[in-house]
Amino acid sequence: GMSMSKRLYFGHPVNTYNTDLEARLIQQISEAFPDWEIENPNQKCHQEGYNRWKESTGNGMKYFTEQVLPSCQGGIFLPFRDGAWGAGVFKEAKFYSDKGQPIWVIASDGNIMPLELSSVQSLSVEETRARIRTPSGETTPY
């Protein structure tokens, strides 16, 4: 029969969205996973979905955990440069890990490696926010 294309969720810090780095990584992931379709959360349709769920349910993140994440069969994740994990990206990785689906990490040297989540410490939501936003709400560089 026809093989369904597998989808790979690409979780990465918000401060990498719309950067050259993000474009390069998507290129790299596509080459490393030729059989997978890459699902990038940084898309207009997902921004709209998030806003829609936030208005109707009060929780925009639920859009990702209930609609986007389950539509993929694995994930690849980018921690911060020092190897620390943002709270949201960690939660996304845990989603697949808990289901026994494969996850990979993009290491600081650019290598893609299978990920063992038990070896990872996640930052708190506050710590994560402090890394990606200035006090005035501007996005900080990755």
Protein backbone atom coordinates (compact mmCIF):
# COMPACT_ATOMS: atom_id res chain seq x y z
CA GLY A 1 0.00 0.00 0.00
CA MET A 2 0.91 3.67 -0.04
CA SER A 3 3.27 4.61 2.74
CA MET A 4 2.17 7.55 4.81
CA SER A 5 4.78 10.26 5.03
CA LYS A 6 6.11 10.53 8.56
CA ARG A 7 6.12 13.94 10.18
CA LEU A 8 8.92 15.24 12.39
CA TYR A 9 8.15 18.08 14.78
CA PHE A 10 10.92 20.70 15.04
CA GLY A 11 10.85 22.26 18.51
CA HIS A 12 13.14 25.27 18.91
CA PRO A 13 13.40 28.41 21.06
CA VAL A 14 11.15 31.29 19.98
CA ASN A 15 14.18 33.56 19.67
CA THR A 16 15.41 31.45 16.73
CA TYR A 17 12.17 32.01 14.78
CA ASN A 18 12.63 33.86 11.45
CA THR A 19 16.42 33.81 11.70
CA ASP A 20 19.09 32.58 9.28
CA LEU A 21 19.87 29.91 11.85
CA GLU A 22 16.31 28.58 11.70
CA ALA A 23 16.43 28.43 7.90
CA ARG A 24 19.79 26.62 7.99
CA LEU A 25 18.58 24.12 10.57
CA ILE A 26 15.44 23.28 8.59
CA GLN A 27 17.64 22.67 5.56
CA GLN A 28 19.95 20.46 7.64
CA ILE A 29 17.06 18.49 9.17
CA SER A 30 15.48 17.93 5.75
CA GLU A 31 18.76 16.51 4.47
CA ALA A 32 19.27 14.34 7.56
CA PHE A 33 15.67 13.03 7.46
CA PRO A 34 14.79 12.73 3.76
CA ASP A 35 11.82 10.43 4.47
CA TRP A 36 10.22 12.78 6.97
CA GLU A 37 8.13 15.88 6.48
CA ILE A 38 9.27 18.66 8.85
CA GLU A 39 6.57 20.31 10.96
CA ASN A 40 7.77 23.77 11.96
CA PRO A 41 5.70 25.39 14.74
CA ASN A 42 6.84 28.79 13.42
CA GLN A 43 4.14 29.09 10.77
CA LYS A 44 1.28 31.51 10.32
CA CYS A 45 -1.29 28.69 10.46
CA HIS A 46 0.03 27.61 13.85
CA GLN A 47 0.13 31.18 15.17
CA GLU A 48 -3.53 31.48 14.16
CA GLY A 49 -4.38 28.11 15.69
CA TYR A 50 -2.68 29.12 18.93
CA ASN A 51 -4.60 32.41 19.06
CA ARG A 52 -7.88 30.66 18.25
CA TRP A 53 -7.41 28.15 21.09
CA LYS A 54 -6.30 30.87 23.47
CA GLU A 55 -9.52 32.79 22.80
CA SER A 56 -11.81 29.77 23.02
CA THR A 57 -10.11 27.75 25.78
CA GLY A 58 -7.87 30.25 27.54
CA ASN A 59 -4.86 28.04 26.76
CA GLY A 60 -3.04 28.50 23.46
CA MET A 61 -0.45 25.80 24.21
CA LYS A 62 -3.21 23.19 24.14
CA TYR A 63 -3.47 23.80 20.41
CA PHE A 64 0.03 22.38 20.05
CA THR A 65 -0.34 19.52 22.54
CA GLU A 66 -3.73 18.40 21.19
CA GLN A 67 -3.53 19.21 17.48
CA VAL A 68 0.00 19.69 16.22
CA LEU A 69 2.15 17.33 18.29
CA PRO A 70 -0.09 14.25 17.85
CA SER A 71 0.02 14.73 14.06
CA CYS A 72 3.77 13.95 14.10
CA GLN A 73 5.52 10.65 14.80
CA GLY A 74 8.69 12.04 16.38
CA GLY A 75 10.54 15.23 17.13
CA ILE A 76 13.84 17.01 16.79
CA PHE A 77 14.75 19.69 19.30
CA LEU A 78 17.12 22.60 19.67
CA PRO A 79 18.19 23.54 23.21
CA PHE A 80 19.81 26.87 24.05
CA ARG A 81 23.47 27.33 23.11
CA ASP A 82 24.73 26.26 26.53
CA GLY A 83 22.71 23.05 26.37
CA ALA A 84 19.94 24.18 28.72
CA TRP A 85 16.40 23.28 27.66
CA GLY A 86 13.56 25.77 27.48
CA ALA A 87 10.44 24.65 29.35
CA GLY A 88 8.20 24.53 26.26
CA VAL A 89 10.69 22.71 24.05
CA PHE A 90 11.33 20.20 26.84
CA LYS A 91 7.59 19.54 27.26
CA GLU A 92 7.31 18.91 23.53
CA ALA A 93 10.21 16.43 23.61
CA LYS A 94 8.63 14.70 26.62
CA PHE A 95 5.38 14.31 24.67
CA TYR A 96 7.10 12.02 22.15
CA SER A 97 9.38 10.35 24.68
CA ASP A 98 6.37 9.37 26.81
CA LYS A 99 4.73 7.79 23.74
CA GLY A 100 7.89 5.84 22.92
CA GLN A 101 8.36 7.79 19.70
CA PRO A 102 11.84 8.79 18.51
CA ILE A 103 13.39 12.12 19.44
CA TRP A 104 16.63 13.76 18.40
CA VAL A 105 18.60 16.75 19.61
CA ILE A 106 20.64 19.27 17.63
CA ALA A 107 23.80 19.58 19.72
CA SER A 108 25.70 22.85 20.12
CA ASP A 109 28.24 21.62 17.55
CA GLY A 110 25.43 21.17 15.03
CA ASN A 111 25.41 17.37 15.19
CA ILE A 112 22.05 15.60 15.26
CA MET A 113 21.91 12.82 17.83
CA PRO A 114 19.24 10.50 19.27
CA LEU A 115 18.08 11.97 22.57
CA GLU A 116 17.73 10.27 25.94
CA LEU A 117 15.43 12.65 27.79
CA SER A 118 16.36 11.42 31.27
CA SER A 119 19.75 13.09 30.80
CA VAL A 120 18.15 16.50 30.30
CA GLN A 121 17.36 19.26 32.83
CA SER A 122 14.65 21.70 31.84
CA LEU A 123 14.62 25.38 32.78
CA SER A 124 11.51 26.69 34.53
CA VAL A 125 9.00 28.73 32.55
CA GLU A 126 10.33 31.87 34.27
CA GLU A 127 13.95 31.02 33.46
CA THR A 128 13.02 30.27 29.87
CA ARG A 129 11.14 33.54 29.49
CA ALA A 130 14.08 35.44 30.94
CA ARG A 131 16.29 33.94 28.24
CA ILE A 132 14.12 34.76 25.26
CA ARG A 133 12.61 38.10 26.27
CA THR A 134 14.01 41.31 27.69
CA PRO A 135 12.04 42.86 30.58
CA SER A 136 10.40 45.18 28.04
CA GLY A 137 9.21 42.23 25.97
CA GLU A 138 11.71 42.35 23.10
CA THR A 139 13.04 39.02 21.85
CA THR A 140 16.68 38.45 22.82
CA PRO A 141 19.16 36.95 20.33
CA TYR A 142 19.63 33.18 20.54
